[in-house]
Amino acid sequence: MKAMKMFLATMFLLLIGFYGFAQDQIIKKNLEIINCKIREVASDEIKYLLPDYPQDVIFSIEKEKVGKIVFENGQEMTFQKEMTNPENYLDQKKNALKIDFMSPLTGNTTFSYERSLKPGRSIEASLGIIGLGIDPNDVDQGGSFIKFGMKFIKSPDFYLQGLRYAHILKGSYFKPEIGFSLYSKDIQTDVYDPYSGYYYTSEDRASIFAGFIQVVLGKQWVVDDVFLIDMYGGIGYGFDDYDGDSGGYHYGFVVTSDDVPFSMSAGFKIGFLFK
């Protein structure tokens, strides 16, 4: 009887020890569950004890492999890659105002605004004022165009512990973009006069509406979280409603023709960042 009591007492203590020990759970991203006792949650790894091993043997697992931790009291802790963790970029400026540096030489001035949504993702809108610039072809152009796109900033092909973007707006990017242009300009055409047998020049005012959808590739550099440089080029499909020869430069993008309705754009922007 005494032996039975000792056996039951021993089993009771073992059960208490096991359940008292295995109170926490590490749930890996592959849904594997580790019943353990959490000892430390470090910046790159989690340290824990296992019930089947001596308590001076400490195990560890990389946080990148862990989906979440469930503690004894039911409290949960989730983890995020350092690369995409917004907390790593709290001190960085996430808004930028830019000007297309070469645009005034082509008959317009283009301003852009970019805002970071999260690491690796931002939106950008551009407004071009047609006529605010030189008039190399003497057509007295006037109007405006708009562009809107979402940037997907390239991340590394592989990750290292603690890796993150040098700046939340810096890097190579891919940007789907859509845009429209509405403007007017003087159009000169040569008209043949059958009575005189000569050609004369006729000048009319034409209103033109054009648009495009493009894929833009570019790279942006950020200097000291203050200045930035953005170089880009895009290609896609475009259109215009001009009754004359279709295609041409529509101030912000080029449309080839109705027969081959490709559109292209390129530019070099400079700007500054702010909170």
C-alpha atoms as a PDB file:
ATOM      1  CA  MET A   1       0.000   0.000   0.000  1.00  0.00           C
ATOM      2  CA  LYS A   2       2.829   2.328   0.892  1.00  0.00           C
ATOM      3  CA  ALA A   3       4.582   1.509  -2.383  1.00  0.00           C
ATOM      4  CA  MET A   4       1.396   2.288  -4.304  1.00  0.00           C
ATOM      5  CA  LYS A   5       1.075   5.682  -2.595  1.00  0.00           C
ATOM      6  CA  MET A   6       4.676   6.520  -3.431  1.00  0.00           C
ATOM      7  CA  PHE A   7       4.127   5.500  -7.057  1.00  0.00           C
ATOM      8  CA  LEU A   8       0.969   7.614  -7.346  1.00  0.00           C
ATOM      9  CA  ALA A   9       2.688  10.552  -5.679  1.00  0.00           C
ATOM     10  CA  THR A  10       5.654  10.252  -8.060  1.00  0.00           C
ATOM     11  CA  MET A  11       3.382  10.100 -11.110  1.00  0.00           C
ATOM     12  CA  PHE A  12       1.435  13.102  -9.826  1.00  0.00           C
ATOM     13  CA  LEU A  13       4.616  15.113  -9.397  1.00  0.00           C
ATOM     14  CA  LEU A  14       5.830  14.130 -12.861  1.00  0.00           C
ATOM     15  CA  LEU A  15       2.539  15.163 -14.428  1.00  0.00           C
ATOM     16  CA  ILE A  16       2.576  18.451 -12.549  1.00  0.00           C
ATOM     17  CA  GLY A  17       6.163  19.012 -13.625  1.00  0.00           C
ATOM     18  CA  PHE A  18       5.415  18.218 -17.258  1.00  0.00           C
ATOM     19  CA  TYR A  19       2.310  20.365 -17.537  1.00  0.00           C
ATOM     20  CA  GLY A  20       3.929  23.096 -15.457  1.00  0.00           C
ATOM     21  CA  PHE A  21       6.876  23.059 -17.845  1.00  0.00           C
ATOM     22  CA  ALA A  22       5.218  22.720 -21.231  1.00  0.00           C
ATOM     23  CA  GLN A  23       3.088  25.823 -20.859  1.00  0.00           C
ATOM     24  CA  ASP A  24       4.237  27.790 -23.904  1.00  0.00           C
ATOM     25  CA  GLN A  25       3.908  26.962 -27.586  1.00  0.00           C
ATOM     26  CA  ILE A  26       6.026  27.948 -30.562  1.00  0.00           C
ATOM     27  CA  ILE A  27       3.960  27.650 -33.743  1.00  0.00           C
ATOM     28  CA  LYS A  28       6.204  27.527 -36.785  1.00  0.00           C
ATOM     29  CA  LYS A  29       5.218  28.836 -40.197  1.00  0.00           C
ATOM     30  CA  ASN A  30       4.860  25.258 -41.431  1.00  0.00           C
ATOM     31  CA  LEU A  31       2.280  24.811 -38.584  1.00  0.00           C
ATOM     32  CA  GLU A  32       4.571  22.553 -36.543  1.00  0.00           C
ATOM     33  CA  ILE A  33       4.012  23.128 -32.802  1.00  0.00           C
ATOM     34  CA  ILE A  34       6.795  23.044 -30.226  1.00  0.00           C
ATOM     35  CA  ASN A  35       5.607  22.642 -26.608  1.00  0.00           C
ATOM     36  CA  CYS A  36       8.247  24.269 -24.496  1.00  0.00           C
ATOM     37  CA  LYS A  37       9.140  26.904 -21.937  1.00  0.00           C
ATOM     38  CA  ILE A  38      10.198  30.202 -23.501  1.00  0.00           C
ATOM     39  CA  ARG A  39      13.354  31.575 -21.931  1.00  0.00           C
ATOM     40  CA  GLU A  40      14.195  34.511 -24.194  1.00  0.00           C
ATOM     41  CA  VAL A  41      12.864  36.308 -27.275  1.00  0.00           C
ATOM     42  CA  ALA A  42      15.915  37.930 -28.865  1.00  0.00           C
ATOM     43  CA  SER A  43      16.106  40.161 -31.936  1.00  0.00           C
ATOM     44  CA  ASP A  44      16.840  37.266 -34.300  1.00  0.00           C
ATOM     45  CA  GLU A  45      15.979  34.090 -32.389  1.00  0.00           C
ATOM     46  CA  ILE A  46      13.844  32.523 -29.669  1.00  0.00           C
ATOM     47  CA  LYS A  47      15.434  30.488 -26.888  1.00  0.00           C
ATOM     48  CA  TYR A  48      13.462  27.776 -25.107  1.00  0.00           C
ATOM     49  CA  LEU A  49      13.615  24.629 -22.935  1.00  0.00           C
ATOM     50  CA  LEU A  50      12.185  21.217 -23.750  1.00  0.00           C
ATOM     51  CA  PRO A  51      10.682  18.903 -21.094  1.00  0.00           C
ATOM     52  CA  ASP A  52      12.603  15.814 -22.252  1.00  0.00           C
ATOM     53  CA  TYR A  53      16.008  17.450 -21.845  1.00  0.00           C
ATOM     54  CA  PRO A  54      17.928  18.828 -18.856  1.00  0.00           C
ATOM     55  CA  GLN A  55      16.994  22.409 -18.064  1.00  0.00           C
ATOM     56  CA  ASP A  56      20.554  23.583 -18.608  1.00  0.00           C
ATOM     57  CA  VAL A  57      20.206  22.633 -22.298  1.00  0.00           C
ATOM     58  CA  ILE A  58      18.823  25.652 -24.127  1.00  0.00           C
ATOM     59  CA  PHE A  59      17.409  25.354 -27.639  1.00  0.00           C
ATOM     60  CA  SER A  60      16.928  28.181 -30.134  1.00  0.00           C
ATOM     61  CA  ILE A  61      15.007  28.819 -33.355  1.00  0.00           C
ATOM     62  CA  GLU A  62      15.246  31.658 -35.861  1.00  0.00           C
ATOM     63  CA  LYS A  63      12.335  34.098 -35.664  1.00  0.00           C
ATOM     64  CA  GLU A  64      12.043  33.968 -39.462  1.00  0.00           C
ATOM     65  CA  LYS A  65      10.755  30.376 -39.085  1.00  0.00           C
ATOM     66  CA  VAL A  66       8.166  31.226 -36.429  1.00  0.00           C
ATOM     67  CA  GLY A  67       4.594  32.280 -37.115  1.00  0.00           C
ATOM     68  CA  LYS A  68       3.686  33.114 -33.549  1.00  0.00           C
ATOM     69  CA  ILE A  69       4.201  32.250 -29.869  1.00  0.00           C
ATOM     70  CA  VAL A  70       1.333  31.347 -27.541  1.00  0.00           C
ATOM     71  CA  PHE A  71       2.222  31.828 -23.876  1.00  0.00           C
ATOM     72  CA  GLU A  72       0.770  30.025 -20.868  1.00  0.00           C
ATOM     73  CA  ASN A  73      -1.677  32.827 -20.126  1.00  0.00           C
ATOM     74  CA  GLY A  74      -3.035  32.809 -23.702  1.00  0.00           C
ATOM     75  CA  GLN A  75      -1.151  35.906 -24.796  1.00  0.00           C
ATOM     76  CA  GLU A  76       0.146  35.690 -28.372  1.00  0.00           C
ATOM     77  CA  MET A  77       3.199  37.219 -30.006  1.00  0.00           C
ATOM     78  CA  THR A  78       3.607  37.387 -33.785  1.00  0.00           C
ATOM     79  CA  PHE A  79       6.694  38.210 -35.806  1.00  0.00           C
ATOM     80  CA  GLN A  80       7.492  39.993 -39.046  1.00  0.00           C
ATOM     81  CA  LYS A  81      10.497  40.017 -41.349  1.00  0.00           C
ATOM     82  CA  GLU A  82      12.897  42.786 -40.491  1.00  0.00           C
ATOM     83  CA  MET A  83      12.915  43.718 -44.180  1.00  0.00           C
ATOM     84  CA  THR A  84       9.193  44.570 -44.146  1.00  0.00           C
ATOM     85  CA  ASN A  85       8.801  45.621 -40.532  1.00  0.00           C
ATOM     86  CA  PRO A  86       7.467  49.224 -40.500  1.00  0.00           C
ATOM     87  CA  GLU A  87       9.033  49.845 -37.089  1.00  0.00           C
ATOM     88  CA  ASN A  88      12.488  49.752 -38.689  1.00  0.00           C
ATOM     89  CA  TYR A  89      11.625  52.824 -40.783  1.00  0.00           C
ATOM     90  CA  LEU A  90       9.827  55.035 -38.256  1.00  0.00           C
ATOM     91  CA  ASP A  91      12.601  57.629 -38.314  1.00  0.00           C
ATOM     92  CA  GLN A  92      12.679  57.901 -42.122  1.00  0.00           C
ATOM     93  CA  LYS A  93      10.805  60.439 -44.228  1.00  0.00           C
ATOM     94  CA  LYS A  94       8.086  58.759 -46.254  1.00  0.00           C
ATOM     95  CA  ASN A  95       6.907  61.560 -48.597  1.00  0.00           C
ATOM     96  CA  ALA A  96       8.674  63.139 -51.552  1.00  0.00           C
ATOM     97  CA  LEU A  97       8.077  66.063 -53.915  1.00  0.00           C
ATOM     98  CA  LYS A  98       9.893  65.915 -57.258  1.00  0.00           C
ATOM     99  CA  ILE A  99      10.289  67.807 -60.495  1.00  0.00           C
ATOM    100  CA  ASP A 100      11.128  66.236 -63.841  1.00  0.00           C
ATOM    101  CA  PHE A 101      14.400  68.022 -64.431  1.00  0.00           C
ATOM    102  CA  MET A 102      14.344  67.973 -68.247  1.00  0.00           C
ATOM    103  CA  SER A 103      10.613  68.571 -68.762  1.00  0.00           C
ATOM    104  CA  PRO A 104      10.778  72.402 -69.215  1.00  0.00           C
ATOM    105  CA  LEU A 105      12.960  71.818 -72.287  1.00  0.00           C
ATOM    106  CA  THR A 106      10.122  69.879 -73.933  1.00  0.00           C
ATOM    107  CA  GLY A 107       7.318  72.386 -73.417  1.00  0.00           C
ATOM    108  CA  ASN A 108       5.963  71.438 -69.975  1.00  0.00           C
ATOM    109  CA  THR A 109       6.892  71.284 -66.304  1.00  0.00           C
ATOM    110  CA  THR A 110       6.100  68.102 -64.402  1.00  0.00           C
ATOM    111  CA  PHE A 111       5.712  67.802 -60.645  1.00  0.00           C
ATOM    112  CA  SER A 112       5.368  64.468 -58.793  1.00  0.00           C
ATOM    113  CA  TYR A 113       4.347  63.423 -55.314  1.00  0.00           C
ATOM    114  CA  GLU A 114       5.302  60.032 -53.871  1.00  0.00           C
ATOM    115  CA  ARG A 115       4.149  58.509 -50.597  1.00  0.00           C
ATOM    116  CA  SER A 116       5.309  55.266 -49.020  1.00  0.00           C
ATOM    117  CA  LEU A 117       2.459  52.923 -48.054  1.00  0.00           C
ATOM    118  CA  LYS A 118       4.652  50.269 -46.471  1.00  0.00           C
ATOM    119  CA  PRO A 119       8.154  48.865 -46.997  1.00  0.00           C
ATOM    120  CA  GLY A 120       8.472  47.950 -50.662  1.00  0.00           C
ATOM    121  CA  ARG A 121       5.303  49.733 -51.770  1.00  0.00           C
ATOM    122  CA  SER A 122       4.484  53.364 -52.593  1.00  0.00           C
ATOM    123  CA  ILE A 123       2.130  55.411 -54.762  1.00  0.00           C
ATOM    124  CA  GLU A 124       3.111  58.239 -57.079  1.00  0.00           C
ATOM    125  CA  ALA A 125       1.047  60.908 -58.840  1.00  0.00           C
ATOM    126  CA  SER A 126       2.332  63.424 -61.379  1.00  0.00           C
ATOM    127  CA  LEU A 127       0.905  66.664 -62.740  1.00  0.00           C
ATOM    128  CA  GLY A 128       2.315  68.224 -65.896  1.00  0.00           C
ATOM    129  CA  ILE A 129       1.567  71.844 -66.788  1.00  0.00           C
ATOM    130  CA  ILE A 130       1.774  72.049 -70.566  1.00  0.00           C
ATOM    131  CA  GLY A 131       3.024  75.436 -71.726  1.00  0.00           C
ATOM    132  CA  LEU A 132       5.104  76.056 -68.610  1.00  0.00           C
ATOM    133  CA  GLY A 133       8.407  75.672 -70.411  1.00  0.00           C
ATOM    134  CA  ILE A 134      10.032  76.554 -73.681  1.00  0.00           C
ATOM    135  CA  ASP A 135       8.146  76.298 -76.979  1.00  0.00           C
ATOM    136  CA  PRO A 136      10.727  74.797 -79.351  1.00  0.00           C
ATOM    137  CA  ASN A 137       8.253  74.259 -82.211  1.00  0.00           C
ATOM    138  CA  ASP A 138       6.416  77.590 -81.799  1.00  0.00           C
ATOM    139  CA  VAL A 139       2.981  75.954 -81.402  1.00  0.00           C
ATOM    140  CA  ASP A 140       1.814  77.893 -78.324  1.00  0.00           C
ATOM    141  CA  GLN A 141       0.860  74.719 -76.442  1.00  0.00           C
ATOM    142  CA  GLY A 142      -1.344  74.844 -73.347  1.00  0.00           C
ATOM    143  CA  GLY A 143      -3.030  72.287 -71.110  1.00  0.00           C
ATOM    144  CA  SER A 144      -2.100  69.618 -68.595  1.00  0.00           C
ATOM    145  CA  PHE A 145      -1.584  65.907 -68.073  1.00  0.00           C
ATOM    146  CA  ILE A 146      -1.777  63.546 -65.116  1.00  0.00           C
ATOM    147  CA  LYS A 147      -0.128  60.237 -64.297  1.00  0.00           C
ATOM    148  CA  PHE A 148      -0.789  57.790 -61.505  1.00  0.00           C
ATOM    149  CA  GLY A 149       1.026  54.590 -60.585  1.00  0.00           C
ATOM    150  CA  MET A 150       1.969  52.218 -57.784  1.00  0.00           C
ATOM    151  CA  LYS A 151       5.614  51.389 -57.177  1.00  0.00           C
ATOM    152  CA  PHE A 152       6.807  47.936 -56.212  1.00  0.00           C
ATOM    153  CA  ILE A 153      10.336  48.403 -54.897  1.00  0.00           C
ATOM    154  CA  LYS A 154      12.598  45.412 -55.477  1.00  0.00           C
ATOM    155  CA  SER A 155      13.666  43.385 -52.451  1.00  0.00           C
ATOM    156  CA  PRO A 156      16.825  41.207 -52.342  1.00  0.00           C
ATOM    157  CA  ASP A 157      16.785  37.752 -53.908  1.00  0.00           C
ATOM    158  CA  PHE A 158      17.625  36.286 -50.490  1.00  0.00           C
ATOM    159  CA  TYR A 159      17.336  37.467 -46.905  1.00  0.00           C
ATOM    160  CA  LEU A 160      19.868  37.694 -44.115  1.00  0.00           C
ATOM    161  CA  GLN A 161      19.099  38.212 -40.451  1.00  0.00           C
ATOM    162  CA  GLY A 162      18.517  41.875 -39.711  1.00  0.00           C
ATOM    163  CA  LEU A 163      18.407  42.818 -43.410  1.00  0.00           C
ATOM    164  CA  ARG A 164      16.308  45.878 -44.319  1.00  0.00           C
ATOM    165  CA  TYR A 165      15.981  48.587 -46.969  1.00  0.00           C
ATOM    166  CA  ALA A 166      18.626  51.302 -46.755  1.00  0.00           C
ATOM    167  CA  HIS A 167      15.709  53.709 -47.169  1.00  0.00           C
ATOM    168  CA  ILE A 168      12.023  52.996 -47.543  1.00  0.00           C
ATOM    169  CA  LEU A 169      11.895  54.879 -50.900  1.00  0.00           C
ATOM    170  CA  LYS A 170      15.255  53.770 -52.250  1.00  0.00           C
ATOM    171  CA  GLY A 171      15.905  51.064 -54.825  1.00  0.00           C
ATOM    172  CA  SER A 172      14.976  49.639 -58.207  1.00  0.00           C
ATOM    173  CA  TYR A 173      11.264  49.514 -58.861  1.00  0.00           C
ATOM    174  CA  PHE A 174       8.498  48.312 -61.143  1.00  0.00           C
ATOM    175  CA  LYS A 175       5.518  50.644 -61.586  1.00  0.00           C
ATOM    176  CA  PRO A 176       2.250  50.043 -63.484  1.00  0.00           C
ATOM    177  CA  GLU A 177       1.124  53.522 -64.560  1.00  0.00           C
ATOM    178  CA  ILE A 178      -1.815  55.159 -66.282  1.00  0.00           C
ATOM    179  CA  GLY A 179      -2.006  58.711 -67.626  1.00  0.00           C
ATOM    180  CA  PHE A 180      -4.030  61.203 -69.655  1.00  0.00           C
ATOM    181  CA  SER A 181      -3.178  64.407 -71.468  1.00  0.00           C
ATOM    182  CA  LEU A 182      -5.494  67.220 -72.625  1.00  0.00           C
ATOM    183  CA  TYR A 183      -4.053  70.226 -74.407  1.00  0.00           C
ATOM    184  CA  SER A 184      -4.304  72.495 -77.408  1.00  0.00           C
ATOM    185  CA  LYS A 185      -1.701  73.787 -79.830  1.00  0.00           C
ATOM    186  CA  ASP A 186      -1.340  75.515 -83.193  1.00  0.00           C
ATOM    187  CA  ILE A 187      -1.286  73.179 -86.167  1.00  0.00           C
ATOM    188  CA  GLN A 188       0.182  74.285 -89.494  1.00  0.00           C
ATOM    189  CA  THR A 189      -0.704  72.407 -92.650  1.00  0.00           C
ATOM    190  CA  ASP A 190       0.210  72.928 -96.277  1.00  0.00           C
ATOM    191  CA  VAL A 191      -2.877  73.370 -98.461  1.00  0.00           C
ATOM    192  CA  TYR A 192      -2.802  73.183-102.246  1.00  0.00           C
ATOM    193  CA  ASP A 193      -4.697  75.882-104.163  1.00  0.00           C
ATOM    194  CA  PRO A 194      -5.761  74.373-107.500  1.00  0.00           C
ATOM    195  CA  TYR A 195      -6.581  77.797-108.956  1.00  0.00           C
ATOM    196  CA  SER A 196      -3.152  79.270-108.362  1.00  0.00           C
ATOM    197  CA  GLY A 197      -1.246  76.019-108.463  1.00  0.00           C
ATOM    198  CA  TYR A 198       0.607  76.936-105.272  1.00  0.00           C
ATOM    199  CA  TYR A 199       0.658  75.643-101.707  1.00  0.00           C
ATOM    200  CA  TYR A 200      -0.067  77.928 -98.812  1.00  0.00           C
ATOM    201  CA  THR A 201       0.193  77.393 -95.071  1.00  0.00           C
ATOM    202  CA  SER A 202      -2.977  77.145 -93.023  1.00  0.00           C
ATOM    203  CA  GLU A 203      -2.822  77.526 -89.247  1.00  0.00           C
ATOM    204  CA  ASP A 204      -5.534  76.119 -86.974  1.00  0.00           C
ATOM    205  CA  ARG A 205      -5.947  75.533 -83.251  1.00  0.00           C
ATOM    206  CA  ALA A 206      -6.300  71.833 -82.384  1.00  0.00           C
ATOM    207  CA  SER A 207      -7.465  70.295 -79.094  1.00  0.00           C
ATOM    208  CA  ILE A 208      -5.974  66.867 -78.398  1.00  0.00           C
ATOM    209  CA  PHE A 209      -6.812  64.202 -75.843  1.00  0.00           C
ATOM    210  CA  ALA A 210      -4.375  61.316 -75.362  1.00  0.00           C
ATOM    211  CA  GLY A 211      -3.761  58.573 -72.856  1.00  0.00           C
ATOM    212  CA  PHE A 212      -1.644  55.546 -72.049  1.00  0.00           C
ATOM    213  CA  ILE A 213      -1.143  52.549 -69.794  1.00  0.00           C
ATOM    214  CA  GLN A 214       2.459  51.560 -69.231  1.00  0.00           C
ATOM    215  CA  VAL A 215       4.917  49.459 -67.325  1.00  0.00           C
ATOM    216  CA  VAL A 216       7.656  51.689 -65.916  1.00  0.00           C
ATOM    217  CA  LEU A 217      11.053  50.484 -64.720  1.00  0.00           C
ATOM    218  CA  GLY A 218      13.289  52.786 -62.745  1.00  0.00           C
ATOM    219  CA  LYS A 219      15.709  53.290 -59.925  1.00  0.00           C
ATOM    220  CA  GLN A 220      15.613  55.831 -57.126  1.00  0.00           C
ATOM    221  CA  TRP A 221      18.485  57.001 -54.958  1.00  0.00           C
ATOM    222  CA  VAL A 222      18.025  58.749 -51.597  1.00  0.00           C
ATOM    223  CA  VAL A 223      20.754  60.970 -50.177  1.00  0.00           C
ATOM    224  CA  ASP A 224      20.874  61.483 -46.415  1.00  0.00           C
ATOM    225  CA  ASP A 225      17.068  61.155 -46.062  1.00  0.00           C
ATOM    226  CA  VAL A 226      16.791  64.641 -47.643  1.00  0.00           C
ATOM    227  CA  PHE A 227      17.276  64.550 -51.437  1.00  0.00           C
ATOM    228  CA  LEU A 228      16.455  61.970 -54.078  1.00  0.00           C
ATOM    229  CA  ILE A 229      17.162  61.198 -57.721  1.00  0.00           C
ATOM    230  CA  ASP A 230      14.756  59.124 -59.811  1.00  0.00           C
ATOM    231  CA  MET A 231      15.538  57.786 -63.300  1.00  0.00           C
ATOM    232  CA  TYR A 232      12.906  55.830 -65.225  1.00  0.00           C
ATOM    233  CA  GLY A 233      11.659  54.584 -68.569  1.00  0.00           C
ATOM    234  CA  GLY A 234       8.312  53.094 -69.562  1.00  0.00           C
ATOM    235  CA  ILE A 235       6.587  51.340 -72.431  1.00  0.00           C
ATOM    236  CA  GLY A 236       2.981  50.367 -73.048  1.00  0.00           C
ATOM    237  CA  TYR A 237      -0.081  51.186 -75.122  1.00  0.00           C
ATOM    238  CA  GLY A 238      -1.384  54.647 -75.981  1.00  0.00           C
ATOM    239  CA  PHE A 239      -3.972  56.542 -78.006  1.00  0.00           C
ATOM    240  CA  ASP A 240      -4.941  60.041 -79.123  1.00  0.00           C
ATOM    241  CA  ASP A 241      -7.972  61.580 -80.814  1.00  0.00           C
ATOM    242  CA  TYR A 242      -6.170  63.910 -83.198  1.00  0.00           C
ATOM    243  CA  ASP A 243      -7.759  63.860 -86.674  1.00  0.00           C
ATOM    244  CA  GLY A 244      -4.500  64.581 -88.432  1.00  0.00           C
ATOM    245  CA  ASP A 245      -1.403  62.452 -88.342  1.00  0.00           C
ATOM    246  CA  SER A 246      -1.828  60.340 -85.214  1.00  0.00           C
ATOM    247  CA  GLY A 247       0.944  59.759 -82.756  1.00  0.00           C
ATOM    248  CA  GLY A 248       3.669  62.071 -81.570  1.00  0.00           C
ATOM    249  CA  TYR A 249       4.740  63.703 -78.336  1.00  0.00           C
ATOM    250  CA  HIS A 250       1.863  64.398 -75.952  1.00  0.00           C
ATOM    251  CA  TYR A 251       3.847  66.146 -73.215  1.00  0.00           C
ATOM    252  CA  GLY A 252       4.784  63.445 -70.743  1.00  0.00           C
ATOM    253  CA  PHE A 253       4.675  60.484 -73.099  1.00  0.00           C
ATOM    254  CA  VAL A 254       4.928  59.531 -76.758  1.00  0.00           C
ATOM    255  CA  VAL A 255       2.365  57.600 -78.810  1.00  0.00           C
ATOM    256  CA  THR A 256       3.726  56.044 -81.975  1.00  0.00           C
ATOM    257  CA  SER A 257       0.603  55.834 -84.193  1.00  0.00           C
ATOM    258  CA  ASP A 258      -2.895  54.373 -84.466  1.00  0.00           C
ATOM    259  CA  ASP A 259      -1.535  51.498 -86.513  1.00  0.00           C
ATOM    260  CA  VAL A 260       1.083  50.612 -83.879  1.00  0.00           C
ATOM    261  CA  PRO A 261      -0.301  52.194 -80.683  1.00  0.00           C
ATOM    262  CA  PHE A 262       2.763  51.916 -78.498  1.00  0.00           C
ATOM    263  CA  SER A 263       3.522  54.539 -75.880  1.00  0.00           C
ATOM    264  CA  MET A 264       6.863  55.399 -74.316  1.00  0.00           C
ATOM    265  CA  SER A 265       8.124  57.703 -71.615  1.00  0.00           C
ATOM    266  CA  ALA A 266      11.389  58.480 -69.862  1.00  0.00           C
ATOM    267  CA  GLY A 267      12.620  61.015 -67.396  1.00  0.00           C
ATOM    268  CA  PHE A 268      15.015  62.182 -64.738  1.00  0.00           C
ATOM    269  CA  LYS A 269      13.518  63.558 -61.520  1.00  0.00           C
ATOM    270  CA  ILE A 270      15.063  65.300 -58.562  1.00  0.00           C
ATOM    271  CA  GLY A 271      13.306  66.156 -55.319  1.00  0.00           C
ATOM    272  CA  PHE A 272      13.310  66.373 -51.558  1.00  0.00           C
ATOM    273  CA  LEU A 273      11.744  64.285 -48.801  1.00  0.00           C
ATOM    274  CA  PHE A 274       9.564  65.300 -45.892  1.00  0.00           C
ATOM    275  CA  LYS A 275       7.618  63.608 -43.076  1.00  0.00           C
END
